[in-house]
PDB file of N, CA and C in Angstrom:
ATOM      1  N   MET A   1    -113.477   0.341-191.189  1.00  0.00           N
ATOM      2  CA  MET A   1    -113.643   0.606-192.593  1.00  0.00           C
ATOM      3  C   MET A   1    -112.629   1.667-193.000  1.00  0.00           C
ATOM      4  N   CYS A   2    -112.274   1.645-194.279  1.00  0.00           N
ATOM      5  CA  CYS A   2    -111.239   2.545-194.776  1.00  0.00           C
ATOM      6  C   CYS A   2    -111.653   3.110-196.131  1.00  0.00           C
ATOM      7  N   VAL A   3    -111.234   4.336-196.437  1.00  0.00           N
ATOM      8  CA  VAL A   3    -111.550   4.954-197.724  1.00  0.00           C
ATOM      9  C   VAL A   3    -110.475   4.687-198.775  1.00  0.00           C
ATOM     10  N   ASP A   4    -109.389   4.018-198.402  1.00  0.00           N
ATOM     11  CA  ASP A   4    -108.310   3.701-199.336  1.00  0.00           C
ATOM     12  C   ASP A   4    -108.635   2.398-200.067  1.00  0.00           C
ATOM     13  N   PRO A   5    -108.754   2.427-201.404  1.00  0.00           N
ATOM     14  CA  PRO A   5    -109.091   1.202-202.142  1.00  0.00           C
ATOM     15  C   PRO A   5    -108.061   0.085-202.003  1.00  0.00           C
ATOM     16  N   ALA A   6    -106.846   0.379-201.633  1.00  0.00           N
ATOM     17  CA  ALA A   6    -105.814  -0.646-201.461  1.00  0.00           C
ATOM     18  C   ALA A   6    -105.953  -1.390-200.133  1.00  0.00           C
ATOM     19  N   SER A   7    -106.763  -0.886-199.224  1.00  0.00           N
ATOM     20  CA  SER A   7    -106.916  -1.495-197.905  1.00  0.00           C
ATOM     21  C   SER A   7    -107.862  -2.699-197.966  1.00  0.00           C
ATOM     22  N   PRO A   8    -107.609  -3.742-197.156  1.00  0.00           N
ATOM     23  CA  PRO A   8    -108.541  -4.870-197.104  1.00  0.00           C
ATOM     24  C   PRO A   8    -109.864  -4.501-196.429  1.00  0.00           C
ATOM     25  N   PHE A   9    -109.943  -3.349-195.779  1.00  0.00           N
ATOM     26  CA  PHE A   9    -111.155  -2.922-195.085  1.00  0.00           C
ATOM     27  C   PHE A   9    -111.976  -1.936-195.906  1.00  0.00           C
ATOM     28  N   TYR A  10    -111.654  -1.785-197.180  1.00  0.00           N
ATOM     29  CA  TYR A  10    -112.368  -0.891-198.091  1.00  0.00           C
ATOM     30  C   TYR A  10    -113.702  -1.527-198.467  1.00  0.00           C
ATOM     31  N   ASP A  11    -114.805  -0.762-198.371  1.00  0.00           N
ATOM     32  CA  ASP A  11    -116.141  -1.253-198.712  1.00  0.00           C
ATOM     33  C   ASP A  11    -116.829  -0.209-199.588  1.00  0.00           C
ATOM     34  N   GLU A  12    -116.792  -0.417-200.900  1.00  0.00           N
ATOM     35  CA  GLU A  12    -117.318   0.565-201.845  1.00  0.00           C
ATOM     36  C   GLU A  12    -118.827   0.758-201.699  1.00  0.00           C
ATOM     37  N   ALA A  13    -119.571  -0.311-201.421  1.00  0.00           N
ATOM     38  CA  ALA A  13    -121.024  -0.212-201.299  1.00  0.00           C
ATOM     39  C   ALA A  13    -121.411   0.682-200.109  1.00  0.00           C
ATOM     40  N   ALA A  14    -120.719   0.516-198.998  1.00  0.00           N
ATOM     41  CA  ALA A  14    -121.023   1.337-197.819  1.00  0.00           C
ATOM     42  C   ALA A  14    -120.621   2.788-198.050  1.00  0.00           C
ATOM     43  N   LEU A  15    -119.485   3.006-198.695  1.00  0.00           N
ATOM     44  CA  LEU A  15    -119.031   4.374-198.950  1.00  0.00           C
ATOM     45  C   LEU A  15    -119.921   5.086-199.953  1.00  0.00           C
ATOM     46  N   ALA A  16    -120.543   4.343-200.879  1.00  0.00           N
ATOM     47  CA  ALA A  16    -121.461   4.948-201.849  1.00  0.00           C
ATOM     48  C   ALA A  16    -122.696   5.519-201.149  1.00  0.00           C
ATOM     49  N   ARG A  17    -123.124   4.902-200.055  1.00  0.00           N
ATOM     50  CA  ARG A  17    -124.256   5.416-199.271  1.00  0.00           C
ATOM     51  C   ARG A  17    -123.877   6.646-198.465  1.00  0.00           C
ATOM     52  N   GLY A  18    -122.601   6.806-198.217  1.00  0.00           N
ATOM     53  CA  GLY A  18    -122.148   7.920-197.392  1.00  0.00           C
ATOM     54  C   GLY A  18    -122.095   7.496-195.932  1.00  0.00           C
ATOM     55  N   VAL A  19    -120.966   7.672-195.319  1.00  0.00           N
ATOM     56  CA  VAL A  19    -120.786   7.289-193.920  1.00  0.00           C
ATOM     57  C   VAL A  19    -120.389   8.529-193.135  1.00  0.00           C
ATOM     58  N   GLY A  20    -121.137   8.821-192.088  1.00  0.00           N
ATOM     59  CA  GLY A  20    -120.806   9.922-191.197  1.00  0.00           C
ATOM     60  C   GLY A  20    -120.118   9.385-189.955  1.00  0.00           C
ATOM     61  N   ILE A  21    -119.168  10.136-189.430  1.00  0.00           N
ATOM     62  CA  ILE A  21    -118.425   9.717-188.233  1.00  0.00           C
ATOM     63  C   ILE A  21    -118.554  10.797-187.167  1.00  0.00           C
ATOM     64  N   ARG A  22    -118.953  10.380-185.985  1.00  0.00           N
ATOM     65  CA  ARG A  22    -118.978  11.272-184.823  1.00  0.00           C
ATOM     66  C   ARG A  22    -117.916  10.747-183.870  1.00  0.00           C
ATOM     67  N   PHE A  23    -116.893  11.573-183.614  1.00  0.00           N
ATOM     68  CA  PHE A  23    -115.770  11.177-182.763  1.00  0.00           C
ATOM     69  C   PHE A  23    -115.735  12.087-181.549  1.00  0.00           C
ATOM     70  N   ARG A  24    -115.845  11.480-180.375  1.00  0.00           N
ATOM     71  CA  ARG A  24    -115.909  12.217-179.097  1.00  0.00           C
ATOM     72  C   ARG A  24    -117.017  13.257-179.111  1.00  0.00           C
ATOM     73  N   GLY A  25    -118.132  12.906-179.751  1.00  0.00           N
ATOM     74  CA  GLY A  25    -119.296  13.782-179.782  1.00  0.00           C
ATOM     75  C   GLY A  25    -119.252  14.885-180.824  1.00  0.00           C
ATOM     76  N   VAL A  26    -118.216  14.918-181.673  1.00  0.00           N
ATOM     77  CA  VAL A  26    -118.060  15.964-182.683  1.00  0.00           C
ATOM     78  C   VAL A  26    -118.057  15.326-184.067  1.00  0.00           C
ATOM     79  N   GLU A  27    -118.827  15.896-184.979  1.00  0.00           N
ATOM     80  CA  GLU A  27    -118.865  15.415-186.361  1.00  0.00           C
ATOM     81  C   GLU A  27    -117.506  15.632-187.028  1.00  0.00           C
ATOM     82  N   ARG A  28    -116.940  14.573-187.630  1.00  0.00           N
ATOM     83  CA  ARG A  28    -115.645  14.669-188.309  1.00  0.00           C
ATOM     84  C   ARG A  28    -115.841  14.340-189.781  1.00  0.00           C
ATOM     85  N   ARG A  29    -115.275  15.146-190.658  1.00  0.00           N
ATOM     86  CA  ARG A  29    -115.374  14.916-192.103  1.00  0.00           C
ATOM     87  C   ARG A  29    -114.043  14.484-192.712  1.00  0.00           C
ATOM     88  N   ASP A  30    -112.971  14.441-191.938  1.00  0.00           N
ATOM     89  CA  ASP A  30    -111.645  14.126-192.471  1.00  0.00           C
ATOM     90  C   ASP A  30    -111.133  12.746-192.066  1.00  0.00           C
ATOM     91  N   VAL A  31    -112.018  11.845-191.661  1.00  0.00           N
ATOM     92  CA  VAL A  31    -111.611  10.523-191.188  1.00  0.00           C
ATOM     93  C   VAL A  31    -111.271   9.628-192.389  1.00  0.00           C
ATOM     94  N   GLU A  32    -110.086   9.041-192.376  1.00  0.00           N
ATOM     95  CA  GLU A  32    -109.647   8.137-193.444  1.00  0.00           C
ATOM     96  C   GLU A  32    -109.970   6.678-193.107  1.00  0.00           C
ATOM     97  N   GLU A  33    -109.913   6.325-191.820  1.00  0.00           N
ATOM     98  CA  GLU A  33    -110.138   4.952-191.391  1.00  0.00           C
ATOM     99  C   GLU A  33    -110.654   4.993-189.959  1.00  0.00           C
ATOM    100  N   TYR A  34    -111.511   4.025-189.600  1.00  0.00           N
ATOM    101  CA  TYR A  34    -112.018   3.989-188.224  1.00  0.00           C
ATOM    102  C   TYR A  34    -112.312   2.563-187.808  1.00  0.00           C
ATOM    103  N   CYS A  35    -112.356   2.346-186.491  1.00  0.00           N
ATOM    104  CA  CYS A  35    -112.736   1.061-185.911  1.00  0.00           C
ATOM    105  C   CYS A  35    -113.603   1.348-184.687  1.00  0.00           C
ATOM    106  N   ILE A  36    -114.849   0.932-184.763  1.00  0.00           N
ATOM    107  CA  ILE A  36    -115.779   1.187-183.657  1.00  0.00           C
ATOM    108  C   ILE A  36    -115.474   0.288-182.462  1.00  0.00           C
ATOM    109  N   SER A  37    -115.155  -0.980-182.717  1.00  0.00           N
ATOM    110  CA  SER A  37    -114.926  -1.917-181.614  1.00  0.00           C
ATOM    111  C   SER A  37    -113.684  -1.568-180.794  1.00  0.00           C
ATOM    112  N   GLU A  38    -112.674  -0.961-181.440  1.00  0.00           N
ATOM    113  CA  GLU A  38    -111.457  -0.595-180.725  1.00  0.00           C
ATOM    114  C   GLU A  38    -111.399   0.889-180.386  1.00  0.00           C
ATOM    115  N   ASN A  39    -112.426   1.648-180.735  1.00  0.00           N
ATOM    116  CA  ASN A  39    -112.551   3.080-180.408  1.00  0.00           C
ATOM    117  C   ASN A  39    -111.386   3.925-180.898  1.00  0.00           C
ATOM    118  N   TRP A  40    -111.116   3.902-182.211  1.00  0.00           N
ATOM    119  CA  TRP A  40    -110.086   4.767-182.769  1.00  0.00           C
ATOM    120  C   TRP A  40    -110.448   5.207-184.181  1.00  0.00           C
ATOM    121  N   ILE A  41    -109.854   6.317-184.601  1.00  0.00           N
ATOM    122  CA  ILE A  41    -109.948   6.789-185.979  1.00  0.00           C
ATOM    123  C   ILE A  41    -108.547   7.166-186.447  1.00  0.00           C
ATOM    124  N   ARG A  42    -108.366   7.213-187.739  1.00  0.00           N
ATOM    125  CA  ARG A  42    -107.130   7.743-188.336  1.00  0.00           C
ATOM    126  C   ARG A  42    -107.529   8.922-189.204  1.00  0.00           C
ATOM    127  N   ALA A  43    -106.887  10.053-188.964  1.00  0.00           N
ATOM    128  CA  ALA A  43    -107.170  11.284-189.693  1.00  0.00           C
ATOM    129  C   ALA A  43    -105.864  11.917-190.133  1.00  0.00           C
ATOM    130  N   PRO A  44    -105.893  12.691-191.226  1.00  0.00           N
ATOM    131  CA  PRO A  44    -104.658  13.328-191.702  1.00  0.00           C
ATOM    132  C   PRO A  44    -104.105  14.327-190.692  1.00  0.00           C
ATOM    133  N   ALA A  45    -102.766  14.408-190.658  1.00  0.00           N
ATOM    134  CA  ALA A  45    -102.082  15.365-189.784  1.00  0.00           C
ATOM    135  C   ALA A  45    -101.770  16.614-190.597  1.00  0.00           C
ATOM    136  N   GLY A  46    -102.749  17.467-190.777  1.00  0.00           N
ATOM    137  CA  GLY A  46    -102.566  18.686-191.556  1.00  0.00           C
ATOM    138  C   GLY A  46    -102.308  18.384-193.017  1.00  0.00           C
ATOM    139  N   LYS A  47    -101.366  19.089-193.615  1.00  0.00           N
ATOM    140  CA  LYS A  47    -101.046  18.887-195.028  1.00  0.00           C
ATOM    141  C   LYS A  47     -99.805  18.026-195.218  1.00  0.00           C
ATOM    142  N   THR A  48     -99.351  17.374-194.168  1.00  0.00           N
ATOM    143  CA  THR A  48     -98.158  16.545-194.210  1.00  0.00           C
ATOM    144  C   THR A  48     -98.409  15.308-195.068  1.00  0.00           C
ATOM    145  N   ARG A  49     -97.427  14.944-195.885  1.00  0.00           N
ATOM    146  CA  ARG A  49     -97.516  13.778-196.763  1.00  0.00           C
ATOM    147  C   ARG A  49     -96.368  12.822-196.457  1.00  0.00           C
ATOM    148  N   ASP A  50     -96.609  11.526-196.718  1.00  0.00           N
ATOM    149  CA  ASP A  50     -95.521  10.565-196.568  1.00  0.00           C
ATOM    150  C   ASP A  50     -94.716  10.527-197.866  1.00  0.00           C
ATOM    151  N   ARG A  51     -93.738   9.657-197.942  1.00  0.00           N
ATOM    152  CA  ARG A  51     -92.847   9.654-199.102  1.00  0.00           C
ATOM    153  C   ARG A  51     -93.515   9.157-200.378  1.00  0.00           C
ATOM    154  N   LYS A  52     -94.687   8.534-200.261  1.00  0.00           N
ATOM    155  CA  LYS A  52     -95.429   8.084-201.448  1.00  0.00           C
ATOM    156  C   LYS A  52     -96.495   9.091-201.869  1.00  0.00           C
ATOM    157  N   GLY A  53     -96.617  10.188-201.145  1.00  0.00           N
ATOM    158  CA  GLY A  53     -97.580  11.226-201.481  1.00  0.00           C
ATOM    159  C   GLY A  53     -98.931  11.095-200.808  1.00  0.00           C
ATOM    160  N   ALA A  54     -99.118  10.074-200.014  1.00  0.00           N
ATOM    161  CA  ALA A  54    -100.372   9.891-199.281  1.00  0.00           C
ATOM    162  C   ALA A  54    -100.354  10.748-198.020  1.00  0.00           C
ATOM    163  N   PRO A  55    -101.526  11.152-197.522  1.00  0.00           N
ATOM    164  CA  PRO A  55    -101.552  11.947-196.293  1.00  0.00           C
ATOM    165  C   PRO A  55    -100.974  11.168-195.110  1.00  0.00           C
ATOM    166  N   LEU A  56    -100.234  11.856-194.257  1.00  0.00           N
ATOM    167  CA  LEU A  56     -99.701  11.246-193.050  1.00  0.00           C
ATOM    168  C   LEU A  56    -100.835  11.182-192.036  1.00  0.00           C
ATOM    169  N   LEU A  57    -101.170   9.986-191.587  1.00  0.00           N
ATOM    170  CA  LEU A  57    -102.318   9.782-190.709  1.00  0.00           C
ATOM    171  C   LEU A  57    -101.877   9.628-189.264  1.00  0.00           C
ATOM    172  N   ILE A  58    -102.674  10.195-188.355  1.00  0.00           N
ATOM    173  CA  ILE A  58    -102.452   9.998-186.931  1.00  0.00           C
ATOM    174  C   ILE A  58    -103.634   9.221-186.367  1.00  0.00           C
ATOM    175  N   LYS A  59    -103.364   8.391-185.391  1.00  0.00           N
ATOM    176  CA  LYS A  59    -104.392   7.576-184.756  1.00  0.00           C
ATOM    177  C   LYS A  59    -104.850   8.263-183.482  1.00  0.00           C
ATOM    178  N   MET A  60    -106.160   8.464-183.361  1.00  0.00           N
ATOM    179  CA  MET A  60    -106.734   9.084-182.168  1.00  0.00           C
ATOM    180  C   MET A  60    -107.741   8.122-181.554  1.00  0.00           C
ATOM    181  N   THR A  61    -107.745   8.041-180.230  1.00  0.00           N
ATOM    182  CA  THR A  61    -108.664   7.138-179.541  1.00  0.00           C
ATOM    183  C   THR A  61    -109.747   7.931-178.838  1.00  0.00           C
ATOM    184  N   GLY A  62    -110.908   7.327-178.750  1.00  0.00           N
ATOM    185  CA  GLY A  62    -112.062   7.938-178.105  1.00  0.00           C
ATOM    186  C   GLY A  62    -113.326   7.283-178.619  1.00  0.00           C
ATOM    187  N   ALA A  63    -114.464   7.762-178.153  1.00  0.00           N
ATOM    188  CA  ALA A  63    -115.750   7.198-178.558  1.00  0.00           C
ATOM    189  C   ALA A  63    -116.010   7.485-180.035  1.00  0.00           C
ATOM    190  N   VAL A  64    -116.311   6.420-180.802  1.00  0.00           N
ATOM    191  CA  VAL A  64    -116.561   6.530-182.234  1.00  0.00           C
ATOM    192  C   VAL A  64    -117.982   6.063-182.523  1.00  0.00           C
ATOM    193  N   GLU A  65    -118.720   6.855-183.283  1.00  0.00           N
ATOM    194  CA  GLU A  65    -120.064   6.492-183.712  1.00  0.00           C
ATOM    195  C   GLU A  65    -120.140   6.699-185.220  1.00  0.00           C
ATOM    196  N   ALA A  66    -120.532   5.655-185.941  1.00  0.00           N
ATOM    197  CA  ALA A  66    -120.656   5.742-187.395  1.00  0.00           C
ATOM    198  C   ALA A  66    -122.127   5.581-187.776  1.00  0.00           C
ATOM    199  N   TYR A  67    -122.524   6.255-188.847  1.00  0.00           N
ATOM    200  CA  TYR A  67    -123.896   6.150-189.323  1.00  0.00           C
ATOM    201  C   TYR A  67    -123.922   6.413-190.823  1.00  0.00           C
ATOM    202  N   PHE A  68    -124.955   5.876-191.484  1.00  0.00           N
ATOM    203  CA  PHE A  68    -125.125   6.106-192.911  1.00  0.00           C
ATOM    204  C   PHE A  68    -125.840   7.417-193.143  1.00  0.00           C
ATOM    205  N   LEU A  69    -125.413   8.155-194.165  1.00  0.00           N
ATOM    206  CA  LEU A  69    -126.017   9.439-194.488  1.00  0.00           C
ATOM    207  C   LEU A  69    -127.296   9.280-195.300  1.00  0.00           C
ATOM    208  N   THR A  70    -127.412   8.195-196.062  1.00  0.00           N
ATOM    209  CA  THR A  70    -128.617   7.931-196.851  1.00  0.00           C
ATOM    210  C   THR A  70    -129.153   6.549-196.501  1.00  0.00           C
ATOM    211  N   PRO A  71    -130.470   6.368-196.575  1.00  0.00           N
ATOM    212  CA  PRO A  71    -131.030   5.044-196.253  1.00  0.00           C
ATOM    213  C   PRO A  71    -130.659   4.013-197.316  1.00  0.00           C
ATOM    214  N   ALA A  72    -130.818   2.742-196.972  1.00  0.00           N
ATOM    215  CA  ALA A  72    -130.512   1.659-197.898  1.00  0.00           C
ATOM    216  C   ALA A  72    -131.468   1.727-199.086  1.00  0.00           C
ATOM    217  N   ALA A  73    -131.056   1.169-200.206  1.00  0.00           N
ATOM    218  CA  ALA A  73    -131.858   1.208-201.420  1.00  0.00           C
ATOM    219  C   ALA A  73    -133.162   0.437-201.267  1.00  0.00           C
ATOM    220  N   GLY A  74    -133.217  -0.544-200.373  1.00  0.00           N
ATOM    221  CA  GLY A  74    -134.385  -1.373-200.183  1.00  0.00           C
ATOM    222  C   GLY A  74    -135.508  -0.742-199.381  1.00  0.00           C
ATOM    223  N   GLY A  75    -135.310   0.435-198.794  1.00  0.00           N
ATOM    224  CA  GLY A  75    -136.373   1.034-198.000  1.00  0.00           C
ATOM    225  C   GLY A  75    -135.841   1.948-196.923  1.00  0.00           C
ATOM    226  N   THR A  76    -136.400   1.816-195.722  1.00  0.00           N
ATOM    227  CA  THR A  76    -136.022   2.703-194.628  1.00  0.00           C
ATOM    228  C   THR A  76    -134.783   2.191-193.930  1.00  0.00           C
ATOM    229  N   ALA A  77    -134.114   3.078-193.247  1.00  0.00           N
ATOM    230  CA  ALA A  77    -132.904   2.715-192.504  1.00  0.00           C
ATOM    231  C   ALA A  77    -133.276   1.976-191.233  1.00  0.00           C
ATOM    232  N   ALA A  78    -132.472   0.991-190.858  1.00  0.00           N
ATOM    233  CA  ALA A  78    -132.741   0.189-189.683  1.00  0.00           C
ATOM    234  C   ALA A  78    -132.495   0.963-188.391  1.00  0.00           C
ATOM    235  N   ASP A  79    -131.631   1.966-188.433  1.00  0.00           N
ATOM    236  CA  ASP A  79    -131.301   2.700-187.211  1.00  0.00           C
ATOM    237  C   ASP A  79    -132.231   3.895-186.959  1.00  0.00           C
ATOM    238  N   GLY A  80    -133.234   4.085-187.827  1.00  0.00           N
ATOM    239  CA  GLY A  80    -134.211   5.144-187.597  1.00  0.00           C
ATOM    240  C   GLY A  80    -133.856   6.479-188.180  1.00  0.00           C
ATOM    241  N   ASN A  81    -132.727   6.604-188.870  1.00  0.00           N
ATOM    242  CA  ASN A  81    -132.346   7.877-189.491  1.00  0.00           C
ATOM    243  C   ASN A  81    -132.990   8.044-190.832  1.00  0.00           C
TER     244      ASN A  81
END
């Protein structure tokens, strides 16, 4: 999933619920894109920008765990949170 609306992996409904990312056992708040099946995240490299003004992203590999911050509108969360 990605937070960039131009990406084909952008999901506004999921992002509206809030998505938390735990990477290598540490809570991360600066994740721009992630893939659980391939175990990677993309996060900004400091304040560096590319030539279009977007943050320069670096790809890091490791254990990725994603979870919703709020339960679904229909009731309780399926994962027990």
